[in-house]
Amino acid sequence: MGLWLIVRIFSLSGERMVLTAWGRHSDPWGIMGASSVMAALFLWLGVFLQHQPVTWLWPILWPSMVYAAAFSLYTWALSKGPISEVSPWSNATTLLLFMWHPGLSQGIGFIASFAIGAWLAGAQSLSLAGWVMLASDVFFAAGRLLDVHYHLYSPLTYGANLMTWVSLWILSGLALSGGQGKILGTVKNFPVLSTLEGFFNALSYVSVIMLLRQMPVAIIEAVSSIAGLLAALGGFVFHEQMTVRRILGAFIMSASAFFLLLTQSPITLDSRWDMLL
């Protein structure tokens, strides 16, 4: 279990770094399609290598619509905005899940500290990319709640089906807008980034499905909040403005999100730490 938690954190962080680097050189719509298609290919490859039956899961049509919206907004935000500003806002998914399953009154303190971190990170002048990331949080929170109902499927099969559906939704949107050629062009021009992003995307999603079988979604999102801070450190790599202040804000936001869900989860404290360790 500990291994999958580590995989979750570092695959999310790597995915966000790649999207930011990629977004400086390519169209975000092409990146959306290329990322989902490559992730689906990696997941189907995993199905074949694990000798699992190739099964088409029609019920995943509905959660795939939610995830198509989530991934599209998430990709656009990270490819267009500064990572030190945008990445910490992915932790708002944590707050949304907390509000869906509210805990005890001490959670208010963590929400307040999250707000302080958000202010330090520049919430008073949040860019369009930051707002788009917040919008993606709504869909990701809904997606996580839907994922819980599909735990009977193999993680690889479920993930491969979902990313295939997501790819089809994004392809449909590009076709309607006349941009169906953007995906192939993006992959052709950036084969290394396409491969890396697809791999990280596939790995981060499979890790969610694996962990959902072993712990509550609240614990998973609490751990995932660490990636919000690690990816924000990419601001130093990309020489972004206000990086130090944003990193401080990201640290407070990530810590608040982590402890909010960890302390409010309806299981004993010892059990929570046993799950993480």
Protein backbone atom coordinates (compact mmCIF):
# COMPACT_ATOMS: atom_id res chain seq x y z
CA MET A 1 0.00 0.00 0.00
CA GLY A 2 2.83 2.37 0.88
CA LEU A 3 4.30 1.84 -2.58
CA TRP A 4 1.07 2.91 -4.28
CA LEU A 5 0.91 6.04 -2.13
CA ILE A 6 4.42 6.97 -3.27
CA VAL A 7 3.48 6.20 -6.88
CA ARG A 8 0.42 8.42 -6.52
CA ILE A 9 2.39 11.40 -5.19
CA PHE A 10 5.25 11.28 -7.67
CA SER A 11 3.17 10.42 -10.75
CA LEU A 12 0.89 13.39 -10.04
CA SER A 13 3.86 15.70 -9.50
CA GLY A 14 5.58 14.47 -12.66
CA GLU A 15 2.41 14.80 -14.70
CA ARG A 16 1.99 18.44 -13.68
CA MET A 17 5.61 19.29 -14.42
CA VAL A 18 5.35 17.76 -17.90
CA LEU A 19 2.09 19.57 -18.66
CA THR A 20 3.61 22.91 -17.70
CA ALA A 21 6.73 22.33 -19.81
CA TRP A 22 4.64 21.04 -22.72
CA GLY A 23 2.18 23.93 -22.55
CA ARG A 24 4.94 26.41 -23.32
CA HIS A 25 5.38 24.91 -26.77
CA SER A 26 2.05 23.43 -27.83
CA ASP A 27 -1.70 24.01 -28.07
CA PRO A 28 -3.57 22.96 -24.89
CA TRP A 29 -6.34 21.27 -26.88
CA GLY A 30 -3.83 19.05 -28.66
CA ILE A 31 -2.20 18.28 -25.31
CA MET A 32 -5.56 17.21 -23.84
CA GLY A 33 -6.16 14.70 -26.61
CA ALA A 34 -2.59 13.43 -26.80
CA SER A 35 -2.40 12.96 -23.03
CA SER A 36 -5.61 10.93 -22.77
CA VAL A 37 -4.88 8.83 -25.87
CA MET A 38 -1.35 7.98 -24.70
CA ALA A 39 -2.63 7.18 -21.19
CA ALA A 40 -5.26 4.84 -22.65
CA LEU A 41 -2.60 3.08 -24.75
CA PHE A 42 -0.37 2.56 -21.70
CA LEU A 43 -3.30 1.18 -19.70
CA TRP A 44 -4.36 -1.24 -22.46
CA LEU A 45 -0.73 -2.33 -22.72
CA GLY A 46 -0.85 -3.08 -19.01
CA VAL A 47 -4.01 -5.14 -19.52
CA PHE A 48 -2.28 -7.24 -22.20
CA LEU A 49 0.95 -7.66 -20.22
CA GLN A 50 -1.02 -8.79 -17.16
CA HIS A 51 -2.97 -11.25 -19.36
CA GLN A 52 -6.26 -9.76 -18.25
CA PRO A 53 -9.36 -10.15 -20.42
CA VAL A 54 -10.06 -7.27 -22.78
CA THR A 55 -13.48 -6.13 -21.63
CA TRP A 56 -15.49 -3.14 -22.80
CA LEU A 57 -17.31 -1.58 -19.85
CA TRP A 58 -20.34 0.38 -21.01
CA PRO A 59 -21.34 1.59 -17.51
CA ILE A 60 -18.17 3.73 -17.41
CA LEU A 61 -19.68 5.99 -20.06
CA TRP A 62 -21.15 8.29 -17.40
CA PRO A 63 -18.13 8.76 -15.12
CA SER A 64 -16.01 9.24 -18.24
CA MET A 65 -18.03 12.36 -19.09
CA VAL A 66 -17.20 13.80 -15.68
CA TYR A 67 -13.53 12.92 -16.06
CA ALA A 68 -13.35 14.28 -19.60
CA ALA A 69 -14.42 17.66 -18.25
CA ALA A 70 -12.05 17.35 -15.27
CA PHE A 71 -9.00 16.35 -17.33
CA SER A 72 -9.68 18.98 -19.98
CA LEU A 73 -9.87 21.82 -17.45
CA TYR A 74 -6.93 20.44 -15.46
CA THR A 75 -4.75 20.14 -18.57
CA TRP A 76 -5.65 23.62 -19.81
CA ALA A 77 -4.87 25.18 -16.42
CA LEU A 78 -1.46 23.53 -16.05
CA SER A 79 -0.43 24.11 -19.66
CA LYS A 80 -1.40 27.80 -19.62
CA GLY A 81 -0.72 28.99 -16.08
CA PRO A 82 2.32 29.13 -13.75
CA ILE A 83 2.68 25.80 -11.95
CA SER A 84 3.58 27.47 -8.63
CA GLU A 85 0.16 29.17 -8.68
CA VAL A 86 -2.03 26.52 -10.31
CA SER A 87 -0.85 23.26 -8.70
CA PRO A 88 -1.74 24.13 -5.06
CA TRP A 89 -5.32 24.84 -6.10
CA SER A 90 -5.77 21.19 -7.02
CA ASN A 91 -6.06 20.68 -3.26
CA ALA A 92 -9.49 22.30 -3.37
CA THR A 93 -10.74 18.82 -4.34
CA THR A 94 -9.96 17.90 -0.74
CA LEU A 95 -12.17 20.67 0.62
CA LEU A 96 -15.01 19.68 -1.70
CA LEU A 97 -14.85 16.07 -0.50
CA PHE A 98 -14.79 17.29 3.10
CA MET A 99 -17.93 19.36 2.51
CA TRP A 100 -19.59 16.31 0.94
CA HIS A 101 -18.79 14.24 4.06
CA PRO A 102 -18.33 16.86 6.82
CA GLY A 103 -16.53 15.86 9.95
CA LEU A 104 -16.06 17.46 13.32
CA SER A 105 -15.94 21.15 14.13
CA GLN A 106 -12.13 21.28 14.38
CA GLY A 107 -12.04 20.95 10.60
CA ILE A 108 -12.93 24.63 10.42
CA GLY A 109 -9.44 25.47 11.66
CA PHE A 110 -7.82 23.60 8.78
CA ILE A 111 -10.15 25.29 6.29
CA ALA A 112 -9.14 28.66 7.75
CA SER A 113 -5.43 27.80 7.42
CA PHE A 114 -6.07 26.69 3.84
CA ALA A 115 -7.58 30.13 3.19
CA ILE A 116 -4.47 31.80 4.67
CA GLY A 117 -2.27 29.72 2.40
CA ALA A 118 -4.45 30.62 -0.55
CA TRP A 119 -4.05 34.30 0.26
CA LEU A 120 -0.27 33.92 0.42
CA ALA A 121 -0.34 32.05 -2.89
CA GLY A 122 -2.09 35.02 -4.50
CA ALA A 123 -5.79 34.17 -4.32
CA GLN A 124 -6.64 37.87 -4.34
CA SER A 125 -5.31 38.10 -7.89
CA LEU A 126 -5.89 34.55 -9.12
CA SER A 127 -5.26 34.10 -12.83
CA LEU A 128 -7.69 32.53 -15.28
CA ALA A 129 -5.65 29.31 -15.13
CA GLY A 130 -6.15 29.22 -11.36
CA TRP A 131 -9.90 29.59 -11.73
CA VAL A 132 -9.95 26.85 -14.36
CA MET A 133 -8.08 24.55 -11.96
CA LEU A 134 -10.71 25.28 -9.32
CA ALA A 135 -13.41 24.33 -11.82
CA SER A 136 -11.61 21.06 -12.53
CA ASP A 137 -11.61 20.32 -8.78
CA VAL A 138 -15.41 20.17 -8.81
CA PHE A 139 -15.38 17.50 -11.52
CA PHE A 140 -12.52 15.56 -9.92
CA ALA A 141 -14.36 15.44 -6.59
CA ALA A 142 -17.45 14.11 -8.38
CA GLY A 143 -15.29 11.61 -10.27
CA ARG A 144 -13.69 10.27 -7.09
CA LEU A 145 -17.11 9.69 -5.56
CA LEU A 146 -18.18 7.82 -8.72
CA ASP A 147 -15.00 5.71 -8.75
CA VAL A 148 -15.93 4.17 -5.42
CA HIS A 149 -18.89 2.40 -7.07
CA TYR A 150 -16.70 0.61 -9.63
CA HIS A 151 -14.26 -1.13 -7.27
CA LEU A 152 -15.26 -4.60 -8.51
CA TYR A 153 -13.49 -4.09 -11.85
CA SER A 154 -9.79 -4.71 -12.38
CA PRO A 155 -7.92 -1.39 -11.89
CA LEU A 156 -6.16 -1.68 -15.25
CA THR A 157 -9.32 -2.65 -17.13
CA TYR A 158 -11.33 0.10 -15.47
CA GLY A 159 -8.62 2.69 -16.07
CA ALA A 160 -8.13 1.64 -19.71
CA ASN A 161 -11.86 1.83 -20.39
CA LEU A 162 -12.23 5.17 -18.67
CA MET A 163 -9.29 6.81 -20.44
CA THR A 164 -10.53 5.42 -23.77
CA TRP A 165 -13.93 7.00 -23.18
CA VAL A 166 -12.27 10.25 -22.09
CA SER A 167 -10.21 10.23 -25.30
CA LEU A 168 -13.35 9.71 -27.37
CA TRP A 169 -15.12 12.62 -25.65
CA ILE A 170 -12.14 14.92 -26.23
CA LEU A 171 -11.79 13.73 -29.84
CA SER A 172 -15.47 14.46 -30.39
CA GLY A 173 -15.02 17.97 -29.04
CA LEU A 174 -12.00 18.58 -31.25
CA ALA A 175 -13.82 17.19 -34.29
CA LEU A 176 -16.76 19.52 -33.73
CA SER A 177 -14.38 22.48 -33.50
CA GLY A 178 -12.38 21.39 -36.54
CA GLY A 179 -9.26 20.59 -34.54
CA GLN A 180 -9.13 16.82 -34.94
CA GLY A 181 -5.64 16.99 -36.45
CA LYS A 182 -4.14 18.63 -33.36
CA ILE A 183 -3.62 15.38 -31.46
CA LEU A 184 -1.52 13.65 -34.12
CA GLY A 185 0.46 16.84 -34.70
CA THR A 186 1.13 17.24 -30.99
CA VAL A 187 2.35 13.65 -30.59
CA LYS A 188 4.47 13.91 -33.75
CA ASN A 189 6.12 17.17 -32.67
CA PHE A 190 6.61 16.20 -29.01
CA PRO A 191 7.00 12.39 -28.85
CA VAL A 192 8.99 12.37 -25.59
CA LEU A 193 6.63 14.70 -23.71
CA SER A 194 3.62 12.81 -25.10
CA THR A 195 5.01 9.52 -23.85
CA LEU A 196 5.96 10.90 -20.44
CA GLU A 197 2.61 12.59 -19.92
CA GLY A 198 0.68 9.50 -21.01
CA PHE A 199 2.72 7.32 -18.68
CA PHE A 200 2.32 9.62 -15.66
CA ASN A 201 -1.39 10.09 -16.40
CA ALA A 202 -2.00 6.34 -16.60
CA LEU A 203 0.05 5.63 -13.48
CA SER A 204 -1.60 8.33 -11.39
CA TYR A 205 -5.08 7.08 -12.26
CA VAL A 206 -4.32 3.39 -11.70
CA SER A 207 -2.88 4.30 -8.31
CA VAL A 208 -6.23 5.87 -7.35
CA ILE A 209 -8.15 2.72 -8.30
CA MET A 210 -5.68 0.49 -6.45
CA LEU A 211 -5.85 2.63 -3.32
CA LEU A 212 -9.65 2.87 -3.36
CA ARG A 213 -9.69 -0.86 -2.62
CA GLN A 214 -7.64 -0.35 0.52
CA MET A 215 -8.60 2.98 2.07
CA PRO A 216 -11.30 5.69 2.01
CA VAL A 217 -11.21 8.27 -0.75
CA ALA A 218 -10.61 10.97 1.89
CA ILE A 219 -7.26 9.40 2.87
CA ILE A 220 -6.22 9.09 -0.78
CA GLU A 221 -6.94 12.75 -1.49
CA ALA A 222 -5.17 13.78 1.71
CA VAL A 223 -2.00 12.06 0.52
CA SER A 224 -2.50 13.37 -3.03
CA SER A 225 -2.43 16.91 -1.65
CA ILE A 226 1.32 16.49 -1.11
CA ALA A 227 1.71 16.50 -4.90
CA GLY A 228 0.23 20.00 -4.95
CA LEU A 229 3.28 21.22 -3.04
CA LEU A 230 5.90 19.12 -4.86
CA ALA A 231 4.66 20.22 -8.28
CA ALA A 232 4.54 23.84 -7.15
CA LEU A 233 8.30 23.63 -6.56
CA GLY A 234 8.51 23.52 -10.34
CA GLY A 235 8.13 27.29 -10.17
CA PHE A 236 11.86 27.42 -9.47
CA VAL A 237 12.58 25.27 -12.52
CA PHE A 238 10.50 27.50 -14.79
CA HIS A 239 11.77 30.75 -13.19
CA GLU A 240 8.28 32.01 -12.34
CA GLN A 241 7.54 35.24 -10.49
CA MET A 242 6.53 35.28 -6.79
CA THR A 243 7.68 31.66 -6.50
CA VAL A 244 8.84 31.83 -2.85
CA ARG A 245 5.56 33.35 -1.65
CA ARG A 246 3.54 30.89 -3.72
CA ILE A 247 5.54 27.94 -2.38
CA LEU A 248 4.89 29.10 1.19
CA GLY A 249 1.19 29.37 0.37
CA ALA A 250 1.29 25.96 -1.33
CA PHE A 251 2.87 24.42 1.77
CA ILE A 252 0.13 25.78 4.04
CA MET A 253 -2.62 24.77 1.60
CA SER A 254 -1.23 21.24 1.18
CA ALA A 255 -0.67 20.74 4.92
CA SER A 256 -4.18 22.04 5.69
CA ALA A 257 -5.75 19.76 3.09
CA PHE A 258 -3.73 16.78 4.34
CA PHE A 259 -4.62 17.15 8.01
CA LEU A 260 -8.21 18.17 7.28
CA LEU A 261 -9.07 14.87 5.65
CA LEU A 262 -6.73 12.77 7.77
CA THR A 263 -8.26 13.98 11.03
CA GLN A 264 -11.86 14.00 9.80
CA SER A 265 -11.90 10.51 8.28
CA PRO A 266 -14.43 8.29 10.14
CA ILE A 267 -11.82 5.73 11.29
CA THR A 268 -9.53 5.63 14.30
CA LEU A 269 -6.32 7.64 14.36
CA ASP A 270 -4.15 4.51 14.71
CA SER A 271 -5.83 2.95 11.70
CA ARG A 272 -5.22 6.06 9.61
CA TRP A 273 -1.49 6.03 10.28
CA ASP A 274 -1.35 2.24 9.75
CA MET A 275 -2.88 2.80 6.31
CA LEU A 276 -0.25 5.38 5.42
CA LEU A 277 2.67 3.35 6.81
